[in-house]
């Protein structure tokens, strides 16, 4: 599964870790995050993330 980087603050969403503080279980692919999920550091929406190269 691919990691995604927040273009605003640099936070990296790692699907192997998920985002348990915000109800996202480990193993959740970025594409499967809820539409209302936001960056846990700066609050921008999913569309501000880019696939890590």
C-alpha atoms as a PDB file:
ATOM      1  CA  UNK A   1       0.000   0.000   0.000  1.00  0.00           C
ATOM      2  CA  UNK A   2       1.212   3.462  -0.864  1.00  0.00           C
ATOM      3  CA  UNK A   3       2.026   6.213   1.622  1.00  0.00           C
ATOM      4  CA  UNK A   4       0.622   9.688   0.999  1.00  0.00           C
ATOM      5  CA  UNK A   5       2.152  13.027   1.991  1.00  0.00           C
ATOM      6  CA  UNK A   6       0.253  16.163   3.018  1.00  0.00           C
ATOM      7  CA  UNK A   7       1.302  18.944   0.664  1.00  0.00           C
ATOM      8  CA  UNK A   8       0.569  21.554   3.343  1.00  0.00           C
ATOM      9  CA  UNK A   9       2.565  20.252   6.312  1.00  0.00           C
ATOM     10  CA  UNK A  10       4.455  17.134   5.240  1.00  0.00           C
ATOM     11  CA  UNK A  11       2.526  14.630   7.384  1.00  0.00           C
ATOM     12  CA  UNK A  12       2.862  11.135   5.943  1.00  0.00           C
ATOM     13  CA  UNK A  13      -0.171   8.848   6.036  1.00  0.00           C
ATOM     14  CA  UNK A  14       1.152   5.303   6.409  1.00  0.00           C
ATOM     15  CA  UNK A  15      -1.577   2.719   5.766  1.00  0.00           C
ATOM     16  CA  UNK A  16       0.281   0.140   7.857  1.00  0.00           C
ATOM     17  CA  UNK A  17      -0.134   2.434  10.889  1.00  0.00           C
ATOM     18  CA  UNK A  18      -3.469   4.020   9.982  1.00  0.00           C
ATOM     19  CA  UNK A  19      -4.639   6.952  12.093  1.00  0.00           C
ATOM     20  CA  UNK A  20      -5.996   5.283  15.248  1.00  0.00           C
ATOM     21  CA  UNK A  21      -6.377   8.614  17.083  1.00  0.00           C
ATOM     22  CA  UNK A  22      -8.999   9.515  14.473  1.00  0.00           C
ATOM     23  CA  UNK A  23     -10.708   6.141  14.113  1.00  0.00           C
ATOM     24  CA  UNK A  24      -8.710   4.776  11.164  1.00  0.00           C
ATOM     25  CA  UNK A  25      -7.490   1.238  11.760  1.00  0.00           C
ATOM     26  CA  UNK A  26      -4.037   0.032  10.697  1.00  0.00           C
ATOM     27  CA  UNK A  27      -4.193  -1.563   7.257  1.00  0.00           C
ATOM     28  CA  UNK A  28      -6.563   1.073   5.843  1.00  0.00           C
ATOM     29  CA  UNK A  29      -5.483   2.164   2.359  1.00  0.00           C
ATOM     30  CA  UNK A  30      -5.515   5.897   1.676  1.00  0.00           C
ATOM     31  CA  UNK A  31      -8.186   5.356  -0.977  1.00  0.00           C
ATOM     32  CA  UNK A  32     -10.434   3.797   1.685  1.00  0.00           C
ATOM     33  CA  UNK A  33     -10.224   6.672   4.163  1.00  0.00           C
ATOM     34  CA  UNK A  34     -13.572   8.350   4.870  1.00  0.00           C
ATOM     35  CA  UNK A  35     -14.300  11.340   2.620  1.00  0.00           C
ATOM     36  CA  UNK A  36     -14.368  13.621   5.657  1.00  0.00           C
ATOM     37  CA  UNK A  37     -10.951  12.479   6.958  1.00  0.00           C
ATOM     38  CA  UNK A  38      -8.490  15.366   7.337  1.00  0.00           C
ATOM     39  CA  UNK A  39      -4.786  15.632   8.046  1.00  0.00           C
ATOM     40  CA  UNK A  40      -4.335  15.051  11.783  1.00  0.00           C
ATOM     41  CA  UNK A  41      -1.633  17.730  11.970  1.00  0.00           C
ATOM     42  CA  UNK A  42      -2.960  20.637   9.927  1.00  0.00           C
ATOM     43  CA  UNK A  43      -6.573  19.767   9.083  1.00  0.00           C
ATOM     44  CA  UNK A  44      -6.488  19.905   5.273  1.00  0.00           C
ATOM     45  CA  UNK A  45      -8.658  17.505   3.278  1.00  0.00           C
ATOM     46  CA  UNK A  46      -7.606  14.306   1.500  1.00  0.00           C
ATOM     47  CA  UNK A  47      -7.312  16.080  -1.845  1.00  0.00           C
ATOM     48  CA  UNK A  48      -4.267  17.974  -0.515  1.00  0.00           C
ATOM     49  CA  UNK A  49      -2.296  14.698  -0.273  1.00  0.00           C
ATOM     50  CA  UNK A  50       0.044  13.304  -2.908  1.00  0.00           C
ATOM     51  CA  UNK A  51       1.347   9.770  -3.343  1.00  0.00           C
ATOM     52  CA  UNK A  52       4.837   9.448  -1.892  1.00  0.00           C
ATOM     53  CA  UNK A  53       7.380   8.720  -4.605  1.00  0.00           C
END
